[in-house]
Amino acid sequence: MIQCKDCEFFRRSEGGQISFACDPFTNIKEADCLLKWQLIKTNQMVAAYQATLEYYHKLAPMQEKMFKVMERELDDMNEAEKWKVDDEDENENEDEPTENWPSDLPSF
């Protein structure tokens, strides 16, 4: 079996990262190459996922602040428009006095 370090498709960066330049569909030399290629791809996916998580952890405090500010703004808007709703409720009650309601309503 050929060792990876002897393969023409094997690449090692200055940082020690390993990569394969081979295409698993056309030029795999050994059966174990495919397993190693899959392992490298899995490691790349895990590294990308970890980088995404780190980014989310950095954004979390800012996102919390944004939610609090938006919540405050919505509360202020609701408070500012509360007088409109209160006036409408009063107007509805003034339109229908309770003295004119029939007292002999059928019970259900």
C-alpha atoms as a PDB file:
ATOM      1  CA  MET A   1       0.000   0.000   0.000  1.00  0.00           C
ATOM      2  CA  ILE A   2       1.262   3.454  -0.923  1.00  0.00           C
ATOM      3  CA  GLN A   3       1.736   5.922   1.927  1.00  0.00           C
ATOM      4  CA  CYS A   4       0.031   9.291   1.710  1.00  0.00           C
ATOM      5  CA  LYS A   5       3.299  11.197   2.029  1.00  0.00           C
ATOM      6  CA  ASP A   6       4.554   9.425  -1.114  1.00  0.00           C
ATOM      7  CA  CYS A   7       1.422  10.132  -3.170  1.00  0.00           C
ATOM      8  CA  GLU A   8       1.458  12.855  -5.816  1.00  0.00           C
ATOM      9  CA  PHE A   9      -1.991  14.094  -4.682  1.00  0.00           C
ATOM     10  CA  PHE A  10      -0.987  14.573  -1.036  1.00  0.00           C
ATOM     11  CA  ARG A  11      -0.477  18.153   0.199  1.00  0.00           C
ATOM     12  CA  ARG A  12       0.665  19.371   3.627  1.00  0.00           C
ATOM     13  CA  SER A  13       0.552  23.101   4.334  1.00  0.00           C
ATOM     14  CA  GLU A  14       3.079  25.020   6.414  1.00  0.00           C
ATOM     15  CA  GLY A  15       0.574  24.983   9.263  1.00  0.00           C
ATOM     16  CA  GLY A  16       0.485  21.187   9.170  1.00  0.00           C
ATOM     17  CA  GLN A  17      -2.936  20.884   7.561  1.00  0.00           C
ATOM     18  CA  ILE A  18      -3.375  17.911   5.290  1.00  0.00           C
ATOM     19  CA  SER A  19      -5.300  17.979   2.021  1.00  0.00           C
ATOM     20  CA  PHE A  20      -5.715  15.704  -0.947  1.00  0.00           C
ATOM     21  CA  ALA A  21      -5.765  17.034  -4.499  1.00  0.00           C
ATOM     22  CA  CYS A  22      -7.245  13.816  -5.817  1.00  0.00           C
ATOM     23  CA  ASP A  23     -10.783  13.403  -7.102  1.00  0.00           C
ATOM     24  CA  PRO A  24     -12.481  10.409  -5.469  1.00  0.00           C
ATOM     25  CA  PHE A  25     -14.462   9.739  -8.648  1.00  0.00           C
ATOM     26  CA  THR A  26     -11.549   9.594 -11.097  1.00  0.00           C
ATOM     27  CA  ASN A  27      -8.060   9.138  -9.694  1.00  0.00           C
ATOM     28  CA  ILE A  28      -8.050   7.308  -6.342  1.00  0.00           C
ATOM     29  CA  LYS A  29      -4.954   5.112  -6.139  1.00  0.00           C
ATOM     30  CA  GLU A  30      -5.836   2.893  -3.158  1.00  0.00           C
ATOM     31  CA  ALA A  31      -9.059   1.830  -1.458  1.00  0.00           C
ATOM     32  CA  ASP A  32      -7.849   3.378   1.799  1.00  0.00           C
ATOM     33  CA  CYS A  33      -7.417   6.701   0.026  1.00  0.00           C
ATOM     34  CA  LEU A  34     -11.185   7.065  -0.152  1.00  0.00           C
ATOM     35  CA  LEU A  35     -11.531   6.477   3.591  1.00  0.00           C
ATOM     36  CA  LYS A  36      -8.825   9.026   4.319  1.00  0.00           C
ATOM     37  CA  TRP A  37     -10.411  11.491   1.903  1.00  0.00           C
ATOM     38  CA  GLN A  38     -13.759  11.065   3.701  1.00  0.00           C
ATOM     39  CA  LEU A  39     -12.065  11.626   7.050  1.00  0.00           C
ATOM     40  CA  ILE A  40     -10.481  14.856   5.822  1.00  0.00           C
ATOM     41  CA  LYS A  41     -13.810  16.100   4.452  1.00  0.00           C
ATOM     42  CA  THR A  42     -15.523  15.264   7.751  1.00  0.00           C
ATOM     43  CA  ASN A  43     -12.834  17.204   9.621  1.00  0.00           C
ATOM     44  CA  GLN A  44     -13.378  20.168   7.289  1.00  0.00           C
ATOM     45  CA  MET A  45     -17.117  20.111   7.976  1.00  0.00           C
ATOM     46  CA  VAL A  46     -16.532  19.968  11.736  1.00  0.00           C
ATOM     47  CA  ALA A  47     -14.070  22.873  11.520  1.00  0.00           C
ATOM     48  CA  ALA A  48     -16.594  24.933   9.539  1.00  0.00           C
ATOM     49  CA  TYR A  49     -19.308  24.139  12.085  1.00  0.00           C
ATOM     50  CA  GLN A  50     -17.044  25.153  14.976  1.00  0.00           C
ATOM     51  CA  ALA A  51     -16.178  28.416  13.208  1.00  0.00           C
ATOM     52  CA  THR A  52     -19.895  29.106  12.768  1.00  0.00           C
ATOM     53  CA  LEU A  53     -20.523  28.446  16.465  1.00  0.00           C
ATOM     54  CA  GLU A  54     -17.707  30.811  17.455  1.00  0.00           C
ATOM     55  CA  TYR A  55     -19.226  33.492  15.234  1.00  0.00           C
ATOM     56  CA  TYR A  56     -22.654  32.973  16.833  1.00  0.00           C
ATOM     57  CA  HIS A  57     -21.115  33.241  20.310  1.00  0.00           C
ATOM     58  CA  LYS A  58     -19.580  36.580  19.326  1.00  0.00           C
ATOM     59  CA  LEU A  59     -22.915  37.823  17.984  1.00  0.00           C
ATOM     60  CA  ALA A  60     -25.042  36.650  20.921  1.00  0.00           C
ATOM     61  CA  PRO A  61     -24.475  39.676  23.230  1.00  0.00           C
ATOM     62  CA  MET A  62     -25.126  42.142  20.421  1.00  0.00           C
ATOM     63  CA  GLN A  63     -28.246  40.227  19.405  1.00  0.00           C
ATOM     64  CA  GLU A  64     -29.551  40.332  22.985  1.00  0.00           C
ATOM     65  CA  LYS A  65     -29.035  44.093  23.092  1.00  0.00           C
ATOM     66  CA  MET A  66     -30.859  44.493  19.784  1.00  0.00           C
ATOM     67  CA  PHE A  67     -33.824  42.466  21.062  1.00  0.00           C
ATOM     68  CA  LYS A  68     -34.019  44.577  24.219  1.00  0.00           C
ATOM     69  CA  VAL A  69     -33.884  47.828  22.248  1.00  0.00           C
ATOM     70  CA  MET A  70     -36.551  46.614  19.826  1.00  0.00           C
ATOM     71  CA  GLU A  71     -38.721  45.451  22.722  1.00  0.00           C
ATOM     72  CA  ARG A  72     -38.393  48.874  24.343  1.00  0.00           C
ATOM     73  CA  GLU A  73     -39.260  50.600  21.066  1.00  0.00           C
ATOM     74  CA  LEU A  74     -42.360  48.444  20.612  1.00  0.00           C
ATOM     75  CA  ASP A  75     -43.443  49.114  24.181  1.00  0.00           C
ATOM     76  CA  ASP A  76     -42.973  52.853  23.623  1.00  0.00           C
ATOM     77  CA  MET A  77     -45.013  52.692  20.416  1.00  0.00           C
ATOM     78  CA  ASN A  78     -47.801  50.799  22.151  1.00  0.00           C
ATOM     79  CA  GLU A  79     -47.750  53.255  25.034  1.00  0.00           C
ATOM     80  CA  ALA A  80     -47.871  56.201  22.618  1.00  0.00           C
ATOM     81  CA  GLU A  81     -50.896  54.746  20.800  1.00  0.00           C
ATOM     82  CA  LYS A  82     -52.682  53.659  23.956  1.00  0.00           C
ATOM     83  CA  TRP A  83     -54.631  56.923  24.168  1.00  0.00           C
ATOM     84  CA  LYS A  84     -56.214  56.164  20.774  1.00  0.00           C
ATOM     85  CA  VAL A  85     -57.489  52.801  21.932  1.00  0.00           C
ATOM     86  CA  ASP A  86     -58.725  54.185  25.259  1.00  0.00           C
ATOM     87  CA  ASP A  87     -60.692  56.927  23.470  1.00  0.00           C
ATOM     88  CA  GLU A  88     -62.234  54.419  21.072  1.00  0.00           C
ATOM     89  CA  ASP A  89     -63.375  52.245  23.976  1.00  0.00           C
ATOM     90  CA  GLU A  90     -64.953  55.252  25.687  1.00  0.00           C
ATOM     91  CA  ASN A  91     -66.702  56.287  22.466  1.00  0.00           C
ATOM     92  CA  GLU A  92     -68.156  52.814  22.008  1.00  0.00           C
ATOM     93  CA  ASN A  93     -69.513  52.810  25.545  1.00  0.00           C
ATOM     94  CA  GLU A  94     -71.045  56.262  25.071  1.00  0.00           C
ATOM     95  CA  ASP A  95     -72.868  55.177  21.914  1.00  0.00           C
ATOM     96  CA  GLU A  96     -74.856  52.430  23.687  1.00  0.00           C
ATOM     97  CA  PRO A  97     -76.195  53.366  27.073  1.00  0.00           C
ATOM     98  CA  THR A  98     -76.922  50.403  29.289  1.00  0.00           C
ATOM     99  CA  GLU A  99     -80.328  51.724  30.397  1.00  0.00           C
ATOM    100  CA  ASN A 100     -81.806  50.953  26.974  1.00  0.00           C
ATOM    101  CA  TRP A 101     -80.837  47.299  26.999  1.00  0.00           C
ATOM    102  CA  PRO A 102     -83.800  44.925  27.158  1.00  0.00           C
ATOM    103  CA  SER A 103     -84.114  43.199  30.509  1.00  0.00           C
ATOM    104  CA  ASP A 104     -85.980  40.141  29.270  1.00  0.00           C
ATOM    105  CA  LEU A 105     -83.200  38.501  27.241  1.00  0.00           C
ATOM    106  CA  PRO A 106     -83.592  34.754  26.742  1.00  0.00           C
ATOM    107  CA  SER A 107     -81.094  32.607  28.625  1.00  0.00           C
ATOM    108  CA  PHE A 108     -79.069  29.980  26.795  1.00  0.00           C
END
